Amino acid sequence: MKFVHSMLLATLLAGAAQAEWSKKDYSAEYDACLPACDKNHPNEHEKCVNYCKCVTGGMQAQFADHEQMTRQVAQQKMKDRIANLQKMANSCNHKQWGSPAWKLRF
């Protein structure tokens, strides 16, 4: 999906002041996802809610440290970390729309 790569980039660049995910970190990631998804799928809000929960939960599960995630993916562009996020985005996208996500670019 076109919005996936831009949504993840925007949310990953946001950064965090704390070492672990706070409610604020989770909300920031989710809140960045939902409007982009709704814009691309205006008649499928519930699918977007489920997709964004999947993506945000997947990021949190893969990266216990939000600040580290931002650093490794957005700043250092670590290929293995980006590949893991791509797999997660593909899985979430497939659950909602039956196809893999667009290639993530950072």
N, C-alpha and C. Protein backbone atom coordinates (compact mmCIF):
# COMPACT_ATOMS: atom_id res chain seq x y z
N MET A 1 0.84 -1.18 0.00
CA MET A 1 0.00 0.00 0.00
C MET A 1 0.89 1.24 0.00
N LYS A 2 0.48 2.20 -0.74
CA LYS A 2 1.25 3.42 -0.91
C LYS A 2 1.45 4.15 0.42
N PHE A 3 0.43 4.17 1.24
CA PHE A 3 0.52 4.94 2.48
C PHE A 3 1.42 4.29 3.52
N VAL A 4 1.69 3.01 3.41
CA VAL A 4 2.46 2.30 4.44
C VAL A 4 3.87 2.87 4.56
N HIS A 5 4.57 3.01 3.44
CA HIS A 5 5.94 3.49 3.55
C HIS A 5 6.01 4.92 4.06
N SER A 6 5.10 5.77 3.64
CA SER A 6 5.13 7.15 4.12
C SER A 6 4.67 7.24 5.57
N MET A 7 3.69 6.43 5.95
CA MET A 7 3.20 6.43 7.32
C MET A 7 4.28 5.97 8.28
N LEU A 8 4.96 4.89 7.95
CA LEU A 8 6.00 4.39 8.84
C LEU A 8 7.17 5.35 8.93
N LEU A 9 7.55 5.95 7.84
CA LEU A 9 8.64 6.90 7.86
C LEU A 9 8.31 8.08 8.76
N ALA A 10 7.11 8.61 8.62
CA ALA A 10 6.71 9.75 9.44
C ALA A 10 6.68 9.40 10.91
N THR A 11 6.16 8.23 11.23
CA THR A 11 6.06 7.87 12.63
C THR A 11 7.41 7.50 13.21
N LEU A 12 8.27 6.90 12.43
CA LEU A 12 9.59 6.53 12.95
C LEU A 12 10.47 7.75 13.18
N LEU A 13 10.26 8.78 12.40
CA LEU A 13 11.06 9.99 12.58
C LEU A 13 10.62 10.82 13.78
N ALA A 14 9.49 10.50 14.35
CA ALA A 14 8.97 11.28 15.47
C ALA A 14 9.87 11.21 16.69
N GLY A 15 10.50 10.05 16.94
CA GLY A 15 11.40 9.92 18.07
C GLY A 15 10.65 9.83 19.38
N ALA A 16 11.41 9.61 20.45
CA ALA A 16 10.82 9.50 21.78
C ALA A 16 11.84 9.89 22.82
N ALA A 17 11.36 10.45 23.91
CA ALA A 17 12.25 10.87 24.98
C ALA A 17 12.56 9.74 25.94
N GLN A 18 11.73 8.71 25.96
CA GLN A 18 11.91 7.62 26.90
C GLN A 18 12.49 6.40 26.21
N ALA A 19 13.11 5.50 26.99
CA ALA A 19 13.74 4.31 26.44
C ALA A 19 12.72 3.25 26.05
N GLU A 20 11.57 3.20 26.69
CA GLU A 20 10.56 2.19 26.40
C GLU A 20 9.32 2.88 25.84
N TRP A 21 8.48 2.07 25.21
CA TRP A 21 7.25 2.62 24.65
C TRP A 21 6.32 3.06 25.78
N SER A 22 5.90 4.27 25.71
CA SER A 22 4.89 4.77 26.63
C SER A 22 3.56 4.78 25.88
N LYS A 23 2.51 5.11 26.59
CA LYS A 23 1.21 5.27 25.92
C LYS A 23 1.31 6.36 24.86
N LYS A 24 2.10 7.37 25.13
CA LYS A 24 2.29 8.47 24.19
C LYS A 24 2.97 7.98 22.91
N ASP A 25 4.00 7.12 23.06
CA ASP A 25 4.69 6.56 21.89
C ASP A 25 3.71 5.75 21.04
N TYR A 26 2.95 4.87 21.68
CA TYR A 26 2.01 4.03 20.96
C TYR A 26 0.96 4.90 20.26
N SER A 27 0.43 5.86 20.99
CA SER A 27 -0.59 6.75 20.41
C SER A 27 -0.05 7.54 19.23
N ALA A 28 1.18 8.00 19.34
CA ALA A 28 1.77 8.78 18.24
C ALA A 28 1.89 7.93 16.98
N GLU A 29 2.33 6.69 17.13
CA GLU A 29 2.46 5.79 15.98
C GLU A 29 1.08 5.48 15.38
N TYR A 30 0.14 5.13 16.24
CA TYR A 30 -1.21 4.80 15.78
C TYR A 30 -1.89 6.01 15.15
N ASP A 31 -1.76 7.16 15.80
CA ASP A 31 -2.40 8.38 15.31
C ASP A 31 -1.81 8.85 13.99
N ALA A 32 -0.57 8.50 13.70
CA ALA A 32 0.02 8.83 12.40
C ALA A 32 -0.47 7.88 11.32
N CYS A 33 -0.78 6.66 11.70
CA CYS A 33 -1.22 5.64 10.76
C CYS A 33 -2.65 5.86 10.29
N LEU A 34 -3.55 6.08 11.21
CA LEU A 34 -4.98 6.06 10.89
C LEU A 34 -5.41 7.10 9.86
N PRO A 35 -5.03 8.37 9.97
CA PRO A 35 -5.48 9.33 8.95
C PRO A 35 -4.97 8.99 7.55
N ALA A 36 -3.74 8.50 7.46
CA ALA A 36 -3.19 8.13 6.15
C ALA A 36 -3.96 6.96 5.57
N CYS A 37 -4.28 6.00 6.38
CA CYS A 37 -5.04 4.84 5.92
C CYS A 37 -6.45 5.27 5.51
N ASP A 38 -7.10 6.05 6.35
CA ASP A 38 -8.46 6.52 6.02
C ASP A 38 -8.48 7.32 4.71
N LYS A 39 -7.44 8.09 4.47
CA LYS A 39 -7.37 8.88 3.24
C LYS A 39 -7.31 7.95 2.03
N ASN A 40 -6.56 6.87 2.14
CA ASN A 40 -6.42 5.93 1.03
C ASN A 40 -7.58 4.94 0.93
N HIS A 41 -8.32 4.79 2.01
CA HIS A 41 -9.45 3.85 2.05
C HIS A 41 -10.63 4.52 2.76
N PRO A 42 -11.22 5.55 2.14
CA PRO A 42 -12.25 6.34 2.82
C PRO A 42 -13.50 5.57 3.23
N ASN A 43 -13.77 4.46 2.62
CA ASN A 43 -14.96 3.69 2.96
C ASN A 43 -14.66 2.45 3.78
N GLU A 44 -13.44 2.34 4.30
CA GLU A 44 -13.03 1.14 5.03
C GLU A 44 -12.37 1.49 6.36
N HIS A 45 -13.01 2.36 7.12
CA HIS A 45 -12.43 2.83 8.38
C HIS A 45 -12.12 1.67 9.34
N GLU A 46 -13.01 0.72 9.47
CA GLU A 46 -12.77 -0.39 10.41
C GLU A 46 -11.55 -1.21 10.00
N LYS A 47 -11.35 -1.41 8.71
CA LYS A 47 -10.15 -2.10 8.25
C LYS A 47 -8.91 -1.28 8.59
N CYS A 48 -9.02 0.02 8.46
CA CYS A 48 -7.89 0.89 8.80
C CYS A 48 -7.58 0.82 10.30
N VAL A 49 -8.61 0.80 11.12
CA VAL A 49 -8.40 0.67 12.57
C VAL A 49 -7.65 -0.62 12.85
N ASN A 50 -8.11 -1.71 12.26
CA ASN A 50 -7.46 -3.01 12.48
C ASN A 50 -6.04 -3.02 11.93
N TYR A 51 -5.85 -2.44 10.76
CA TYR A 51 -4.52 -2.38 10.15
C TYR A 51 -3.57 -1.59 11.05
N CYS A 52 -3.99 -0.42 11.50
CA CYS A 52 -3.11 0.43 12.31
C CYS A 52 -2.80 -0.20 13.67
N LYS A 53 -3.76 -0.90 14.24
CA LYS A 53 -3.49 -1.63 15.48
C LYS A 53 -2.46 -2.72 15.23
N CYS A 54 -2.59 -3.40 14.12
CA CYS A 54 -1.66 -4.47 13.76
C CYS A 54 -0.25 -3.91 13.55
N VAL A 55 -0.14 -2.84 12.78
CA VAL A 55 1.17 -2.24 12.50
C VAL A 55 1.81 -1.69 13.77
N THR A 56 1.05 -0.94 14.53
CA THR A 56 1.61 -0.33 15.74
C THR A 56 1.98 -1.40 16.77
N GLY A 57 1.11 -2.38 16.94
CA GLY A 57 1.43 -3.48 17.85
C GLY A 57 2.63 -4.27 17.38
N GLY A 58 2.75 -4.46 16.08
CA GLY A 58 3.90 -5.17 15.53
C GLY A 58 5.20 -4.42 15.75
N MET A 59 5.17 -3.12 15.56
CA MET A 59 6.38 -2.32 15.82
C MET A 59 6.76 -2.41 17.29
N GLN A 60 5.77 -2.31 18.16
CA GLN A 60 6.05 -2.37 19.60
C GLN A 60 6.60 -3.74 19.98
N ALA A 61 6.08 -4.81 19.38
CA ALA A 61 6.56 -6.15 19.69
C ALA A 61 7.99 -6.36 19.19
N GLN A 62 8.32 -5.80 18.04
CA GLN A 62 9.66 -5.97 17.48
C GLN A 62 10.69 -5.09 18.15
N PHE A 63 10.27 -3.95 18.64
CA PHE A 63 11.18 -2.98 19.23
C PHE A 63 10.66 -2.55 20.59
N ALA A 64 11.19 -3.15 21.65
CA ALA A 64 10.76 -2.79 22.99
C ALA A 64 11.15 -1.34 23.32
N ASP A 65 12.17 -0.85 22.68
CA ASP A 65 12.67 0.51 22.90
C ASP A 65 12.31 1.37 21.69
N HIS A 66 11.37 2.26 21.87
CA HIS A 66 10.88 3.12 20.78
C HIS A 66 11.97 4.01 20.22
N GLU A 67 12.77 4.57 21.07
CA GLU A 67 13.86 5.45 20.62
C GLU A 67 14.87 4.66 19.78
N GLN A 68 15.15 3.44 20.21
CA GLN A 68 16.08 2.59 19.47
C GLN A 68 15.51 2.26 18.08
N MET A 69 14.22 2.00 18.02
CA MET A 69 13.57 1.73 16.74
C MET A 69 13.78 2.91 15.79
N THR A 70 13.51 4.09 16.27
CA THR A 70 13.66 5.29 15.45
C THR A 70 15.09 5.42 14.96
N ARG A 71 16.03 5.21 15.85
CA ARG A 71 17.44 5.34 15.50
C ARG A 71 17.86 4.28 14.47
N GLN A 72 17.52 3.02 14.72
CA GLN A 72 17.96 1.94 13.86
C GLN A 72 17.31 1.95 12.48
N VAL A 73 16.05 2.32 12.42
CA VAL A 73 15.32 2.27 11.16
C VAL A 73 15.45 3.58 10.38
N ALA A 74 15.11 4.67 10.99
CA ALA A 74 15.05 5.94 10.27
C ALA A 74 16.41 6.61 10.11
N GLN A 75 17.26 6.50 11.13
CA GLN A 75 18.54 7.19 11.06
C GLN A 75 19.66 6.31 10.51
N GLN A 76 19.80 5.10 11.08
CA GLN A 76 20.88 4.20 10.67
C GLN A 76 20.50 3.35 9.46
N LYS A 77 19.23 3.28 9.17
CA LYS A 77 18.70 2.51 8.04
C LYS A 77 19.23 1.07 8.02
N MET A 78 19.12 0.41 9.17
CA MET A 78 19.60 -0.96 9.30
C MET A 78 18.70 -1.89 8.47
N LYS A 79 19.31 -2.56 7.50
CA LYS A 79 18.56 -3.36 6.53
C LYS A 79 17.77 -4.48 7.18
N ASP A 80 18.33 -5.14 8.18
CA ASP A 80 17.60 -6.24 8.83
C ASP A 80 16.39 -5.74 9.59
N ARG A 81 16.50 -4.58 10.21
CA ARG A 81 15.37 -4.01 10.94
C ARG A 81 14.27 -3.58 9.97
N ILE A 82 14.67 -2.97 8.87
CA ILE A 82 13.70 -2.54 7.87
C ILE A 82 13.02 -3.76 7.26
N ALA A 83 13.79 -4.81 7.01
CA ALA A 83 13.21 -6.05 6.45
C ALA A 83 12.19 -6.64 7.41
N ASN A 84 12.46 -6.61 8.70
CA ASN A 84 11.50 -7.11 9.68
C ASN A 84 10.22 -6.27 9.68
N LEU A 85 10.37 -4.96 9.58
CA LEU A 85 9.20 -4.09 9.51
C LEU A 85 8.41 -4.34 8.22
N GLN A 86 9.11 -4.60 7.14
CA GLN A 86 8.43 -4.89 5.88
C GLN A 86 7.59 -6.15 5.99
N LYS A 87 8.15 -7.19 6.61
CA LYS A 87 7.40 -8.44 6.79
C LYS A 87 6.15 -8.20 7.63
N MET A 88 6.31 -7.42 8.68
CA MET A 88 5.17 -7.11 9.55
C MET A 88 4.11 -6.30 8.81
N ALA A 89 4.54 -5.28 8.06
CA ALA A 89 3.60 -4.46 7.30
C ALA A 89 2.88 -5.31 6.24
N ASN A 90 3.62 -6.20 5.60
CA ASN A 90 3.01 -7.10 4.61
C ASN A 90 1.94 -7.97 5.26
N SER A 91 2.26 -8.51 6.41
CA SER A 91 1.32 -9.38 7.12
C SER A 91 0.05 -8.62 7.49
N CYS A 92 0.21 -7.44 8.06
CA CYS A 92 -0.95 -6.64 8.46
C CYS A 92 -1.78 -6.23 7.25
N ASN A 93 -1.11 -5.84 6.19
CA ASN A 93 -1.81 -5.43 4.98
C ASN A 93 -2.55 -6.61 4.36
N HIS A 94 -1.92 -7.76 4.37
CA HIS A 94 -2.55 -8.96 3.80
C HIS A 94 -3.80 -9.33 4.58
N LYS A 95 -3.77 -9.19 5.89
CA LYS A 95 -4.94 -9.52 6.72
C LYS A 95 -6.14 -8.64 6.37
N GLN A 96 -5.90 -7.40 6.02
CA GLN A 96 -7.00 -6.47 5.78
C GLN A 96 -7.41 -6.39 4.31
N TRP A 97 -6.44 -6.43 3.40
CA TRP A 97 -6.74 -6.20 1.99
C TRP A 97 -6.29 -7.33 1.07
N GLY A 98 -5.67 -8.36 1.62
CA GLY A 98 -5.32 -9.52 0.82
C GLY A 98 -4.11 -9.36 -0.07
N SER A 99 -3.30 -8.37 0.20
CA SER A 99 -2.09 -8.17 -0.61
C SER A 99 -0.98 -7.63 0.28
N PRO A 100 0.27 -7.79 -0.16
CA PRO A 100 1.37 -7.24 0.64
C PRO A 100 1.40 -5.71 0.56
N ALA A 101 2.07 -5.12 1.52
CA ALA A 101 2.24 -3.66 1.53
C ALA A 101 3.24 -3.25 0.46
N TRP A 102 3.22 -1.99 0.11
CA TRP A 102 4.23 -1.46 -0.79
C TRP A 102 5.57 -1.54 -0.09
N LYS A 103 6.64 -1.52 -0.83
CA LYS A 103 7.99 -1.57 -0.27
C LYS A 103 8.23 -0.34 0.60
N LEU A 104 8.72 -0.59 1.80
CA LEU A 104 9.04 0.50 2.71
C LEU A 104 10.32 1.19 2.25
N ARG A 105 10.33 2.49 2.35
CA ARG A 105 11.53 3.27 1.99
C ARG A 105 11.84 4.24 3.11
N PHE A 106 13.10 4.26 3.47
CA PHE A 106 13.54 5.17 4.54
C PHE A 106 14.75 5.94 4.09
